[in-house]
């Protein structure tokens, strides 16, 4: 739960103060952190399942949301027009977002493994 909260805070911060970040980080951090939050969320909800399950579900969910952005009907665009709807559903399909999600899920998986290894050693 702590990882989810920290990741949300970092993601919102990266959007709010993007002008203070290097342009590469500002352009990519939000989507990467969003996918990390999705991974940590699945790990939280499915604590007894394998890491591989969380990885696959994170990819399915993240990529599913991205591909859903190809659907542009008024009712869903009204939801996307809200702050929460935009944060969850995004606004428009971008192939590069798939790469950002991939990096985010990989980074979250590595952090997860490092934290677990640290906890098990203690």
PDB file of N, CA and C in Angstrom:
ATOM      1  N   UNK A   1       0.824  -1.190   0.000  1.00  0.00           N
ATOM      2  CA  UNK A   1       0.000   0.000   0.000  1.00  0.00           C
ATOM      3  C   UNK A   1       0.870   1.255   0.000  1.00  0.00           C
ATOM      4  N   UNK A   2       1.964   1.185   0.741  1.00  0.00           N
ATOM      5  CA  UNK A   2       2.889   2.322   0.802  1.00  0.00           C
ATOM      6  C   UNK A   2       3.467   2.603  -0.584  1.00  0.00           C
ATOM      7  N   UNK A   3       3.817   1.552  -1.321  1.00  0.00           N
ATOM      8  CA  UNK A   3       4.364   1.726  -2.669  1.00  0.00           C
ATOM      9  C   UNK A   3       3.347   2.380  -3.594  1.00  0.00           C
ATOM     10  N   UNK A   4       2.086   1.992  -3.481  1.00  0.00           N
ATOM     11  CA  UNK A   4       1.022   2.597  -4.300  1.00  0.00           C
ATOM     12  C   UNK A   4       0.916   4.086  -3.990  1.00  0.00           C
ATOM     13  N   UNK A   5       0.873   4.431  -2.719  1.00  0.00           N
ATOM     14  CA  UNK A   5       0.725   5.835  -2.312  1.00  0.00           C
ATOM     15  C   UNK A   5       1.920   6.668  -2.757  1.00  0.00           C
ATOM     16  N   UNK A   6       3.121   6.166  -2.524  1.00  0.00           N
ATOM     17  CA  UNK A   6       4.330   6.901  -2.928  1.00  0.00           C
ATOM     18  C   UNK A   6       4.349   7.097  -4.443  1.00  0.00           C
ATOM     19  N   UNK A   7       3.975   6.067  -5.178  1.00  0.00           N
ATOM     20  CA  UNK A   7       3.986   6.152  -6.631  1.00  0.00           C
ATOM     21  C   UNK A   7       2.946   7.154  -7.132  1.00  0.00           C
ATOM     22  N   UNK A   8       1.778   7.180  -6.517  1.00  0.00           N
ATOM     23  CA  UNK A   8       0.759   8.166  -6.891  1.00  0.00           C
ATOM     24  C   UNK A   8       1.265   9.581  -6.637  1.00  0.00           C
ATOM     25  N   UNK A   9       1.870   9.794  -5.473  1.00  0.00           N
ATOM     26  CA  UNK A   9       2.397  11.120  -5.139  1.00  0.00           C
ATOM     27  C   UNK A   9       3.482  11.539  -6.137  1.00  0.00           C
ATOM     28  N   UNK A  10       4.395  10.617  -6.443  1.00  0.00           N
ATOM     29  CA  UNK A  10       5.443  10.930  -7.418  1.00  0.00           C
ATOM     30  C   UNK A  10       4.860  11.222  -8.798  1.00  0.00           C
ATOM     31  N   UNK A  11       3.851  10.450  -9.199  1.00  0.00           N
ATOM     32  CA  UNK A  11       3.231  10.651 -10.507  1.00  0.00           C
ATOM     33  C   UNK A  11       2.534  11.998 -10.607  1.00  0.00           C
ATOM     34  N   UNK A  12       1.748  12.346  -9.587  1.00  0.00           N
ATOM     35  CA  UNK A  12       1.065  13.641  -9.598  1.00  0.00           C
ATOM     36  C   UNK A  12       2.062  14.788  -9.539  1.00  0.00           C
ATOM     37  N   UNK A  13       3.116  14.611  -8.750  1.00  0.00           N
ATOM     38  CA  UNK A  13       4.163  15.626  -8.661  1.00  0.00           C
ATOM     39  C   UNK A  13       4.872  15.803  -9.998  1.00  0.00           C
ATOM     40  N   UNK A  14       5.119  14.694 -10.693  1.00  0.00           N
ATOM     41  CA  UNK A  14       5.811  14.794 -11.986  1.00  0.00           C
ATOM     42  C   UNK A  14       4.973  15.548 -13.015  1.00  0.00           C
ATOM     43  N   UNK A  15       3.663  15.496 -12.889  1.00  0.00           N
ATOM     44  CA  UNK A  15       2.770  16.235 -13.795  1.00  0.00           C
ATOM     45  C   UNK A  15       2.678  17.709 -13.399  1.00  0.00           C
ATOM     46  N   UNK A  16       2.530  17.938 -12.091  1.00  0.00           N
ATOM     47  CA  UNK A  16       2.333  19.310 -11.616  1.00  0.00           C
ATOM     48  C   UNK A  16       3.576  20.181 -11.821  1.00  0.00           C
ATOM     49  N   UNK A  17       4.747  19.630 -11.541  1.00  0.00           N
ATOM     50  CA  UNK A  17       5.973  20.401 -11.643  1.00  0.00           C
ATOM     51  C   UNK A  17       6.871  19.914 -12.780  1.00  0.00           C
ATOM     52  N   UNK A  18       6.254  19.505 -13.859  1.00  0.00           N
ATOM     53  CA  UNK A  18       7.015  18.982 -15.000  1.00  0.00           C
ATOM     54  C   UNK A  18       7.973  20.017 -15.574  1.00  0.00           C
ATOM     55  N   UNK A  19       7.635  21.300 -15.436  1.00  0.00           N
ATOM     56  CA  UNK A  19       8.513  22.351 -15.966  1.00  0.00           C
ATOM     57  C   UNK A  19       9.842  22.432 -15.216  1.00  0.00           C
ATOM     58  N   UNK A  20       9.923  21.841 -14.035  1.00  0.00           N
ATOM     59  CA  UNK A  20      11.162  21.846 -13.252  1.00  0.00           C
ATOM     60  C   UNK A  20      12.039  20.624 -13.536  1.00  0.00           C
ATOM     61  N   UNK A  21      11.492  19.671 -14.277  1.00  0.00           N
ATOM     62  CA  UNK A  21      12.216  18.431 -14.566  1.00  0.00           C
ATOM     63  C   UNK A  21      12.874  18.512 -15.940  1.00  0.00           C
ATOM     64  N   UNK A  22      13.935  17.720 -16.143  1.00  0.00           N
ATOM     65  CA  UNK A  22      14.477  17.614 -17.500  1.00  0.00           C
ATOM     66  C   UNK A  22      13.380  17.131 -18.446  1.00  0.00           C
ATOM     67  N   UNK A  23      13.380  17.607 -19.679  1.00  0.00           N
ATOM     68  CA  UNK A  23      12.268  17.322 -20.593  1.00  0.00           C
ATOM     69  C   UNK A  23      12.033  15.825 -20.793  1.00  0.00           C
ATOM     70  N   UNK A  24      13.100  15.021 -20.865  1.00  0.00           N
ATOM     71  CA  UNK A  24      12.933  13.576 -21.039  1.00  0.00           C
ATOM     72  C   UNK A  24      12.168  12.974 -19.868  1.00  0.00           C
ATOM     73  N   UNK A  25      12.518  13.384 -18.664  1.00  0.00           N
ATOM     74  CA  UNK A  25      11.851  12.881 -17.462  1.00  0.00           C
ATOM     75  C   UNK A  25      10.403  13.373 -17.433  1.00  0.00           C
ATOM     76  N   UNK A  26      10.192  14.647 -17.735  1.00  0.00           N
ATOM     77  CA  UNK A  26       8.837  15.212 -17.717  1.00  0.00           C
ATOM     78  C   UNK A  26       7.926  14.513 -18.719  1.00  0.00           C
ATOM     79  N   UNK A  27       8.455  14.141 -19.862  1.00  0.00           N
ATOM     80  CA  UNK A  27       7.648  13.503 -20.906  1.00  0.00           C
ATOM     81  C   UNK A  27       7.319  12.045 -20.596  1.00  0.00           C
ATOM     82  N   UNK A  28       8.168  11.376 -19.831  1.00  0.00           N
ATOM     83  CA  UNK A  28       8.028   9.931 -19.652  1.00  0.00           C
ATOM     84  C   UNK A  28       7.659   9.473 -18.248  1.00  0.00           C
ATOM     85  N   UNK A  29       7.962  10.256 -17.247  1.00  0.00           N
ATOM     86  CA  UNK A  29       7.801   9.803 -15.854  1.00  0.00           C
ATOM     87  C   UNK A  29       6.357   9.494 -15.487  1.00  0.00           C
ATOM     88  N   UNK A  30       5.423  10.324 -15.888  1.00  0.00           N
ATOM     89  CA  UNK A  30       4.032  10.128 -15.486  1.00  0.00           C
ATOM     90  C   UNK A  30       3.481   8.780 -15.912  1.00  0.00           C
ATOM     91  N   UNK A  31       3.671   8.414 -17.171  1.00  0.00           N
ATOM     92  CA  UNK A  31       3.157   7.138 -17.667  1.00  0.00           C
ATOM     93  C   UNK A  31       3.902   5.958 -17.050  1.00  0.00           C
ATOM     94  N   UNK A  32       5.197   6.111 -16.866  1.00  0.00           N
ATOM     95  CA  UNK A  32       5.973   5.052 -16.248  1.00  0.00           C
ATOM     96  C   UNK A  32       5.508   4.832 -14.798  1.00  0.00           C
ATOM     97  N   UNK A  33       5.323   5.918 -14.066  1.00  0.00           N
ATOM     98  CA  UNK A  33       4.868   5.820 -12.679  1.00  0.00           C
ATOM     99  C   UNK A  33       3.439   5.282 -12.602  1.00  0.00           C
ATOM    100  N   UNK A  34       2.601   5.614 -13.577  1.00  0.00           N
ATOM    101  CA  UNK A  34       1.234   5.087 -13.606  1.00  0.00           C
ATOM    102  C   UNK A  34       1.264   3.564 -13.699  1.00  0.00           C
ATOM    103  N   UNK A  35       2.113   3.043 -14.597  1.00  0.00           N
ATOM    104  CA  UNK A  35       2.219   1.585 -14.753  1.00  0.00           C
ATOM    105  C   UNK A  35       2.824   0.944 -13.503  1.00  0.00           C
ATOM    106  N   UNK A  36       3.750   1.630 -12.854  1.00  0.00           N
ATOM    107  CA  UNK A  36       4.303   1.122 -11.606  1.00  0.00           C
ATOM    108  C   UNK A  36       3.210   1.021 -10.545  1.00  0.00           C
ATOM    109  N   UNK A  37       2.345   2.041 -10.475  1.00  0.00           N
ATOM    110  CA  UNK A  37       1.251   2.031  -9.527  1.00  0.00           C
ATOM    111  C   UNK A  37       0.300   0.873  -9.812  1.00  0.00           C
ATOM    112  N   UNK A  38       0.043   0.601 -11.084  1.00  0.00           N
ATOM    113  CA  UNK A  38      -0.812  -0.525 -11.463  1.00  0.00           C
ATOM    114  C   UNK A  38      -0.183  -1.828 -10.963  1.00  0.00           C
ATOM    115  N   UNK A  39       1.114  -2.004 -11.185  1.00  0.00           N
ATOM    116  CA  UNK A  39       1.811  -3.214 -10.721  1.00  0.00           C
ATOM    117  C   UNK A  39       1.704  -3.345  -9.202  1.00  0.00           C
ATOM    118  N   UNK A  40       2.039  -2.267  -8.483  1.00  0.00           N
ATOM    119  CA  UNK A  40       1.978  -2.326  -7.020  1.00  0.00           C
ATOM    120  C   UNK A  40       0.553  -2.591  -6.538  1.00  0.00           C
ATOM    121  N   UNK A  41      -0.427  -2.055  -7.240  1.00  0.00           N
ATOM    122  CA  UNK A  41      -1.820  -2.313  -6.900  1.00  0.00           C
ATOM    123  C   UNK A  41      -2.177  -3.782  -7.040  1.00  0.00           C
ATOM    124  N   UNK A  42      -1.739  -4.398  -8.133  1.00  0.00           N
ATOM    125  CA  UNK A  42      -1.999  -5.831  -8.298  1.00  0.00           C
ATOM    126  C   UNK A  42      -1.263  -6.658  -7.248  1.00  0.00           C
ATOM    127  N   UNK A  43      -0.046  -6.258  -6.908  1.00  0.00           N
ATOM    128  CA  UNK A  43       0.691  -6.986  -5.866  1.00  0.00           C
ATOM    129  C   UNK A  43      -0.033  -6.873  -4.529  1.00  0.00           C
ATOM    130  N   UNK A  44      -0.623  -5.712  -4.269  1.00  0.00           N
ATOM    131  CA  UNK A  44      -1.364  -5.503  -3.034  1.00  0.00           C
ATOM    132  C   UNK A  44      -2.636  -6.359  -3.011  1.00  0.00           C
ATOM    133  N   UNK A  45      -3.362  -6.343  -4.106  1.00  0.00           N
ATOM    134  CA  UNK A  45      -4.626  -7.074  -4.165  1.00  0.00           C
ATOM    135  C   UNK A  45      -4.451  -8.586  -4.263  1.00  0.00           C
ATOM    136  N   UNK A  46      -3.360  -9.013  -4.869  1.00  0.00           N
ATOM    137  CA  UNK A  46      -3.128 -10.439  -5.116  1.00  0.00           C
ATOM    138  C   UNK A  46      -1.861 -10.903  -4.413  1.00  0.00           C
ATOM    139  N   UNK A  47      -1.759 -10.584  -3.143  1.00  0.00           N
ATOM    140  CA  UNK A  47      -0.538 -10.821  -2.368  1.00  0.00           C
ATOM    141  C   UNK A  47      -0.137 -12.295  -2.350  1.00  0.00           C
ATOM    142  N   UNK A  48      -1.074 -13.183  -2.451  1.00  0.00           N
ATOM    143  CA  UNK A  48      -0.765 -14.616  -2.407  1.00  0.00           C
ATOM    144  C   UNK A  48      -0.470 -15.208  -3.784  1.00  0.00           C
ATOM    145  N   UNK A  49      -0.616 -14.402  -4.803  1.00  0.00           N
ATOM    146  CA  UNK A  49      -0.318 -14.864  -6.164  1.00  0.00           C
ATOM    147  C   UNK A  49       1.147 -14.570  -6.492  1.00  0.00           C
ATOM    148  N   UNK A  50       1.623 -15.147  -7.574  1.00  0.00           N
ATOM    149  CA  UNK A  50       3.027 -14.971  -7.955  1.00  0.00           C
ATOM    150  C   UNK A  50       3.279 -13.579  -8.536  1.00  0.00           C
ATOM    151  N   UNK A  51       4.528 -13.205  -8.505  1.00  0.00           N
ATOM    152  CA  UNK A  51       4.943 -11.951  -9.123  1.00  0.00           C
ATOM    153  C   UNK A  51       4.610 -11.963 -10.609  1.00  0.00           C
ATOM    154  N   UNK A  52       4.781 -13.103 -11.239  1.00  0.00           N
ATOM    155  CA  UNK A  52       4.481 -13.223 -12.668  1.00  0.00           C
ATOM    156  C   UNK A  52       3.010 -12.906 -12.953  1.00  0.00           C
ATOM    157  N   UNK A  53       2.120 -13.294 -12.070  1.00  0.00           N
ATOM    158  CA  UNK A  53       0.699 -12.966 -12.234  1.00  0.00           C
ATOM    159  C   UNK A  53       0.502 -11.454 -12.217  1.00  0.00           C
ATOM    160  N   UNK A  54       1.146 -10.779 -11.274  1.00  0.00           N
ATOM    161  CA  UNK A  54       1.039  -9.318 -11.188  1.00  0.00           C
ATOM    162  C   UNK A  54       1.624  -8.652 -12.430  1.00  0.00           C
ATOM    163  N   UNK A  55       2.722  -9.193 -12.937  1.00  0.00           N
ATOM    164  CA  UNK A  55       3.332  -8.634 -14.150  1.00  0.00           C
ATOM    165  C   UNK A  55       2.368  -8.747 -15.323  1.00  0.00           C
ATOM    166  N   UNK A  56       1.837  -9.949 -15.549  1.00  0.00           N
ATOM    167  CA  UNK A  56       0.918 -10.167 -16.683  1.00  0.00           C
ATOM    168  C   UNK A  56      -0.332  -9.308 -16.557  1.00  0.00           C
ATOM    169  N   UNK A  57      -0.919  -9.257 -15.380  1.00  0.00           N
ATOM    170  CA  UNK A  57      -2.119  -8.444 -15.196  1.00  0.00           C
ATOM    171  C   UNK A  57      -1.830  -6.961 -15.380  1.00  0.00           C
ATOM    172  N   UNK A  58      -0.648  -6.528 -14.956  1.00  0.00           N
ATOM    173  CA  UNK A  58      -0.255  -5.129 -15.140  1.00  0.00           C
ATOM    174  C   UNK A  58      -0.140  -4.781 -16.619  1.00  0.00           C
ATOM    175  N   UNK A  59       0.467  -5.677 -17.377  1.00  0.00           N
ATOM    176  CA  UNK A  59       0.564  -5.444 -18.819  1.00  0.00           C
ATOM    177  C   UNK A  59      -0.815  -5.455 -19.471  1.00  0.00           C
ATOM    178  N   UNK A  60      -1.638  -6.428 -19.119  1.00  0.00           N
ATOM    179  CA  UNK A  60      -2.980  -6.506 -19.703  1.00  0.00           C
ATOM    180  C   UNK A  60      -3.798  -5.256 -19.378  1.00  0.00           C
ATOM    181  N   UNK A  61      -3.772  -4.837 -18.138  1.00  0.00           N
ATOM    182  CA  UNK A  61      -4.534  -3.664 -17.716  1.00  0.00           C
ATOM    183  C   UNK A  61      -4.003  -2.400 -18.391  1.00  0.00           C
ATOM    184  N   UNK A  62      -2.695  -2.170 -18.308  1.00  0.00           N
ATOM    185  CA  UNK A  62      -2.103  -0.950 -18.860  1.00  0.00           C
ATOM    186  C   UNK A  62      -2.281  -0.863 -20.367  1.00  0.00           C
ATOM    187  N   UNK A  63      -1.969  -1.953 -21.051  1.00  0.00           N
ATOM    188  CA  UNK A  63      -2.113  -1.947 -22.504  1.00  0.00           C
ATOM    189  C   UNK A  63      -3.591  -1.872 -22.892  1.00  0.00           C
ATOM    190  N   UNK A  64      -4.451  -2.514 -22.109  1.00  0.00           N
ATOM    191  CA  UNK A  64      -5.885  -2.450 -22.378  1.00  0.00           C
ATOM    192  C   UNK A  64      -6.416  -1.031 -22.284  1.00  0.00           C
ATOM    193  N   UNK A  65      -6.007  -0.311 -21.251  1.00  0.00           N
ATOM    194  CA  UNK A  65      -6.407   1.091 -21.107  1.00  0.00           C
ATOM    195  C   UNK A  65      -5.898   1.904 -22.290  1.00  0.00           C
ATOM    196  N   UNK A  66      -4.655   1.679 -22.685  1.00  0.00           N
ATOM    197  CA  UNK A  66      -4.093   2.448 -23.808  1.00  0.00           C
ATOM    198  C   UNK A  66      -4.855   2.171 -25.099  1.00  0.00           C
ATOM    199  N   UNK A  67      -5.108   0.896 -25.388  1.00  0.00           N
ATOM    200  CA  UNK A  67      -5.832   0.568 -26.616  1.00  0.00           C
ATOM    201  C   UNK A  67      -7.286   1.030 -26.550  1.00  0.00           C
ATOM    202  N   UNK A  68      -7.837   1.152 -25.350  1.00  0.00           N
ATOM    203  CA  UNK A  68      -9.212   1.652 -25.231  1.00  0.00           C
ATOM    204  C   UNK A  68      -9.305   3.111 -25.678  1.00  0.00           C
ATOM    205  N   UNK A  69      -8.180   3.800 -25.701  1.00  0.00           N
ATOM    206  CA  UNK A  69      -8.162   5.196 -26.125  1.00  0.00           C
ATOM    207  C   UNK A  69      -8.404   5.353 -27.625  1.00  0.00           C
ATOM    208  N   UNK A  70      -8.362   4.253 -28.346  1.00  0.00           N
ATOM    209  CA  UNK A  70      -8.716   4.290 -29.765  1.00  0.00           C
ATOM    210  C   UNK A  70     -10.224   4.455 -29.941  1.00  0.00           C
ATOM    211  N   UNK A  71     -10.978   4.110 -28.902  1.00  0.00           N
ATOM    212  CA  UNK A  71     -12.435   4.247 -28.905  1.00  0.00           C
ATOM    213  C   UNK A  71     -12.770   5.667 -28.480  1.00  0.00           C
ATOM    214  N   UNK A  72     -13.356   6.442 -29.353  1.00  0.00           N
ATOM    215  CA  UNK A  72     -13.572   7.864 -29.109  1.00  0.00           C
ATOM    216  C   UNK A  72     -15.048   8.263 -29.225  1.00  0.00           C
ATOM    217  N   UNK A  73     -15.897   7.678 -28.408  1.00  0.00           N
ATOM    218  CA  UNK A  73     -17.309   8.074 -28.383  1.00  0.00           C
ATOM    219  C   UNK A  73     -17.509   9.186 -27.353  1.00  0.00           C
ATOM    220  N   UNK A  74     -18.568   9.952 -27.536  1.00  0.00           N
ATOM    221  CA  UNK A  74     -18.823  11.103 -26.667  1.00  0.00           C
ATOM    222  C   UNK A  74     -18.895  10.744 -25.183  1.00  0.00           C
ATOM    223  N   UNK A  75     -19.589   9.654 -24.857  1.00  0.00           N
ATOM    224  CA  UNK A  75     -19.791   9.317 -23.446  1.00  0.00           C
ATOM    225  C   UNK A  75     -18.483   9.034 -22.734  1.00  0.00           C
ATOM    226  N   UNK A  76     -17.554   8.330 -23.399  1.00  0.00           N
ATOM    227  CA  UNK A  76     -16.282   8.017 -22.730  1.00  0.00           C
ATOM    228  C   UNK A  76     -15.339   9.218 -22.773  1.00  0.00           C
ATOM    229  N   UNK A  77     -15.457  10.037 -23.808  1.00  0.00           N
ATOM    230  CA  UNK A  77     -14.637  11.250 -23.860  1.00  0.00           C
ATOM    231  C   UNK A  77     -15.056  12.253 -22.790  1.00  0.00           C
ATOM    232  N   UNK A  78     -16.340  12.228 -22.410  1.00  0.00           N
ATOM    233  CA  UNK A  78     -16.774  13.081 -21.296  1.00  0.00           C
ATOM    234  C   UNK A  78     -16.139  12.612 -19.992  1.00  0.00           C
ATOM    235  N   UNK A  79     -16.024  11.318 -19.813  1.00  0.00           N
ATOM    236  CA  UNK A  79     -15.344  10.789 -18.626  1.00  0.00           C
ATOM    237  C   UNK A  79     -13.873  11.159 -18.677  1.00  0.00           C
ATOM    238  N   UNK A  80     -13.255  10.984 -19.847  1.00  0.00           N
ATOM    239  CA  UNK A  80     -11.841  11.341 -20.008  1.00  0.00           C
ATOM    240  C   UNK A  80     -11.602  12.830 -19.811  1.00  0.00           C
ATOM    241  N   UNK A  81     -12.640  13.632 -19.984  1.00  0.00           N
ATOM    242  CA  UNK A  81     -12.527  15.075 -19.809  1.00  0.00           C
ATOM    243  C   UNK A  81     -12.447  15.515 -18.360  1.00  0.00           C
ATOM    244  N   UNK A  82     -12.743  14.606 -17.423  1.00  0.00           N
ATOM    245  CA  UNK A  82     -12.614  14.926 -16.002  1.00  0.00           C
ATOM    246  C   UNK A  82     -11.178  14.640 -15.551  1.00  0.00           C
ATOM    247  N   UNK A  83     -10.786  15.221 -14.456  1.00  0.00           N
ATOM    248  CA  UNK A  83      -9.428  14.999 -13.949  1.00  0.00           C
ATOM    249  C   UNK A  83      -9.194  13.527 -13.637  1.00  0.00           C
ATOM    250  N   UNK A  84     -10.104  12.926 -12.879  1.00  0.00           N
ATOM    251  CA  UNK A  84      -9.939  11.516 -12.512  1.00  0.00           C
ATOM    252  C   UNK A  84     -10.017  10.618 -13.743  1.00  0.00           C
ATOM    253  N   UNK A  85     -10.967  10.889 -14.623  1.00  0.00           N
ATOM    254  CA  UNK A  85     -11.102  10.101 -15.847  1.00  0.00           C
ATOM    255  C   UNK A  85      -9.858  10.170 -16.710  1.00  0.00           C
ATOM    256  N   UNK A  86      -9.268  11.346 -16.789  1.00  0.00           N
ATOM    257  CA  UNK A  86      -8.036  11.522 -17.569  1.00  0.00           C
ATOM    258  C   UNK A  86      -6.868  10.767 -16.949  1.00  0.00           C
ATOM    259  N   UNK A  87      -6.771  10.808 -15.616  1.00  0.00           N
ATOM    260  CA  UNK A  87      -5.677  10.114 -14.939  1.00  0.00           C
ATOM    261  C   UNK A  87      -5.787   8.599 -15.097  1.00  0.00           C
ATOM    262  N   UNK A  88      -7.004   8.081 -15.095  1.00  0.00           N
ATOM    263  CA  UNK A  88      -7.196   6.633 -15.182  1.00  0.00           C
ATOM    264  C   UNK A  88      -7.221   6.154 -16.631  1.00  0.00           C
ATOM    265  N   UNK A  89      -7.997   6.835 -17.469  1.00  0.00           N
ATOM    266  CA  UNK A  89      -8.231   6.359 -18.837  1.00  0.00           C
ATOM    267  C   UNK A  89      -7.347   7.008 -19.895  1.00  0.00           C
ATOM    268  N   UNK A  90      -6.674   8.102 -19.557  1.00  0.00           N
ATOM    269  CA  UNK A  90      -5.887   8.805 -20.553  1.00  0.00           C
ATOM    270  C   UNK A  90      -6.784   9.519 -21.539  1.00  0.00           C
ATOM    271  N   UNK A  91      -6.169  10.060 -22.592  1.00  0.00           N
ATOM    272  CA  UNK A  91      -6.964  10.820 -23.561  1.00  0.00           C
ATOM    273  C   UNK A  91      -6.824  10.298 -24.981  1.00  0.00           C
ATOM    274  N   UNK A  92      -5.632   9.960 -25.392  1.00  0.00           N
ATOM    275  CA  UNK A  92      -5.436   9.519 -26.765  1.00  0.00           C
ATOM    276  C   UNK A  92      -4.364   8.445 -26.847  1.00  0.00           C
ATOM    277  N   UNK A  93      -4.523   7.546 -27.797  1.00  0.00           N
ATOM    278  CA  UNK A  93      -3.590   6.422 -27.968  1.00  0.00           C
ATOM    279  C   UNK A  93      -2.229   6.919 -28.451  1.00  0.00           C
ATOM    280  N   UNK A  94      -1.182   6.466 -27.789  1.00  0.00           N
ATOM    281  CA  UNK A  94       0.204   6.743 -28.202  1.00  0.00           C
ATOM    282  C   UNK A  94       1.005   5.451 -28.082  1.00  0.00           C
ATOM    283  N   UNK A  95       1.643   5.049 -29.165  1.00  0.00           N
ATOM    284  CA  UNK A  95       2.452   3.832 -29.145  1.00  0.00           C
ATOM    285  C   UNK A  95       3.571   3.949 -28.118  1.00  0.00           C
ATOM    286  N   UNK A  96       4.150   5.138 -27.971  1.00  0.00           N
ATOM    287  CA  UNK A  96       5.256   5.306 -27.025  1.00  0.00           C
ATOM    288  C   UNK A  96       4.819   5.078 -25.580  1.00  0.00           C
ATOM    289  N   UNK A  97       3.531   5.250 -25.293  1.00  0.00           N
ATOM    290  CA  UNK A  97       3.049   4.954 -23.940  1.00  0.00           C
ATOM    291  C   UNK A  97       3.213   3.479 -23.608  1.00  0.00           C
ATOM    292  N   UNK A  98       3.095   2.612 -24.596  1.00  0.00           N
ATOM    293  CA  UNK A  98       3.282   1.177 -24.357  1.00  0.00           C
ATOM    294  C   UNK A  98       4.704   0.896 -23.882  1.00  0.00           C
ATOM    295  N   UNK A  99       5.678   1.600 -24.465  1.00  0.00           N
ATOM    296  CA  UNK A  99       7.075   1.464 -24.021  1.00  0.00           C
ATOM    297  C   UNK A  99       7.246   2.011 -22.610  1.00  0.00           C
ATOM    298  N   UNK A 100       6.606   3.136 -22.325  1.00  0.00           N
ATOM    299  CA  UNK A 100       6.687   3.716 -20.980  1.00  0.00           C
ATOM    300  C   UNK A 100       6.087   2.774 -19.936  1.00  0.00           C
ATOM    301  N   UNK A 101       4.957   2.163 -20.268  1.00  0.00           N
ATOM    302  CA  UNK A 101       4.338   1.213 -19.345  1.00  0.00           C
ATOM    303  C   UNK A 101       5.248   0.012 -19.121  1.00  0.00           C
ATOM    304  N   UNK A 102       5.872  -0.457 -20.186  1.00  0.00           N
ATOM    305  CA  UNK A 102       6.770  -1.604 -20.081  1.00  0.00           C
ATOM    306  C   UNK A 102       7.919  -1.299 -19.128  1.00  0.00           C
ATOM    307  N   UNK A 103       8.534  -0.138 -19.296  1.00  0.00           N
ATOM    308  CA  UNK A 103       9.637   0.260 -18.415  1.00  0.00           C
ATOM    309  C   UNK A 103       9.140   0.391 -16.978  1.00  0.00           C
ATOM    310  N   UNK A 104       7.978   0.999 -16.799  1.00  0.00           N
ATOM    311  CA  UNK A 104       7.431   1.165 -15.452  1.00  0.00           C
ATOM    312  C   UNK A 104       7.184  -0.154 -14.748  1.00  0.00           C
ATOM    313  N   UNK A 105       6.618  -1.110 -15.472  1.00  0.00           N
ATOM    314  CA  UNK A 105       6.339  -2.419 -14.874  1.00  0.00           C
ATOM    315  C   UNK A 105       7.637  -3.150 -14.548  1.00  0.00           C
ATOM    316  N   UNK A 106       8.623  -3.049 -15.418  1.00  0.00           N
ATOM    317  CA  UNK A 106       9.921  -3.685 -15.158  1.00  0.00           C
ATOM    318  C   UNK A 106      10.592  -3.046 -13.939  1.00  0.00           C
ATOM    319  N   UNK A 107      10.604  -1.722 -13.868  1.00  0.00           N
ATOM    320  CA  UNK A 107      11.210  -1.034 -12.722  1.00  0.00           C
ATOM    321  C   UNK A 107      10.485  -1.418 -11.427  1.00  0.00           C
ATOM    322  N   UNK A 108       9.156  -1.447 -11.461  1.00  0.00           N
ATOM    323  CA  UNK A 108       8.389  -1.821 -10.263  1.00  0.00           C
ATOM    324  C   UNK A 108       8.693  -3.252  -9.837  1.00  0.00           C
ATOM    325  N   UNK A 109       8.832  -4.145 -10.809  1.00  0.00           N
ATOM    326  CA  UNK A 109       9.139  -5.545 -10.506  1.00  0.00           C
ATOM    327  C   UNK A 109      10.511  -5.666  -9.843  1.00  0.00           C
ATOM    328  N   UNK A 110      11.478  -4.945 -10.367  1.00  0.00           N
ATOM    329  CA  UNK A 110      12.834  -4.972  -9.797  1.00  0.00           C
ATOM    330  C   UNK A 110      12.816  -4.386  -8.381  1.00  0.00           C
ATOM    331  N   UNK A 111      12.133  -3.248  -8.200  1.00  0.00           N
ATOM    332  CA  UNK A 111      12.035  -2.665  -6.859  1.00  0.00           C
ATOM    333  C   UNK A 111      11.343  -3.608  -5.886  1.00  0.00           C
ATOM    334  N   UNK A 112      10.299  -4.252  -6.352  1.00  0.00           N
ATOM    335  CA  UNK A 112       9.570  -5.224  -5.535  1.00  0.00           C
ATOM    336  C   UNK A 112      10.506  -6.352  -5.090  1.00  0.00           C
ATOM    337  N   UNK A 113      11.263  -6.882  -6.028  1.00  0.00           N
ATOM    338  CA  UNK A 113      12.186  -7.980  -5.706  1.00  0.00           C
ATOM    339  C   UNK A 113      13.272  -7.523  -4.728  1.00  0.00           C
ATOM    340  N   UNK A 114      13.783  -6.306  -4.928  1.00  0.00           N
ATOM    341  CA  UNK A 114      14.828  -5.799  -4.025  1.00  0.00           C
ATOM    342  C   UNK A 114      14.294  -5.589  -2.613  1.00  0.00           C
ATOM    343  N   UNK A 115      13.095  -5.042  -2.496  1.00  0.00           N
ATOM    344  CA  UNK A 115      12.490  -4.824  -1.179  1.00  0.00           C
ATOM    345  C   UNK A 115      12.222  -6.171  -0.503  1.00  0.00           C
ATOM    346  N   UNK A 116      11.681  -7.127  -1.245  1.00  0.00           N
ATOM    347  CA  UNK A 116      11.429  -8.453  -0.655  1.00  0.00           C
ATOM    348  C   UNK A 116      12.716  -9.110  -0.196  1.00  0.00           C
ATOM    349  N   UNK A 117      13.755  -8.986  -0.991  1.00  0.00           N
ATOM    350  CA  UNK A 117      15.041  -9.586  -0.627  1.00  0.00           C
ATOM    351  C   UNK A 117      15.576  -8.915   0.643  1.00  0.00           C
ATOM    352  N   UNK A 118      15.426  -7.582   0.736  1.00  0.00           N
ATOM    353  CA  UNK A 118      15.879  -6.855   1.917  1.00  0.00           C
ATOM    354  C   UNK A 118      15.098  -7.289   3.159  1.00  0.00           C
ATOM    355  N   UNK A 119      13.782  -7.419   3.012  1.00  0.00           N
ATOM    356  CA  UNK A 119      12.939  -7.806   4.137  1.00  0.00           C
ATOM    357  C   UNK A 119      13.266  -9.239   4.598  1.00  0.00           C
ATOM    358  N   UNK A 120      13.477 -10.122   3.670  1.00  0.00           N
ATOM    359  CA  UNK A 120      13.765 -11.521   4.011  1.00  0.00           C
ATOM    360  C   UNK A 120      15.126 -11.665   4.688  1.00  0.00           C
ATOM    361  N   UNK A 121      16.062 -10.776   4.376  1.00  0.00           N
ATOM    362  CA  UNK A 121      17.388 -10.813   5.023  1.00  0.00           C
ATOM    363  C   UNK A 121      17.349 -10.289   6.439  1.00  0.00           C
ATOM    364  N   UNK A 122      16.410  -9.391   6.708  1.00  0.00           N
ATOM    365  CA  UNK A 122      16.342  -8.763   8.044  1.00  0.00           C
ATOM    366  C   UNK A 122      15.828  -9.702   9.101  1.00  0.00           C
TER     367      UNK A 122
END
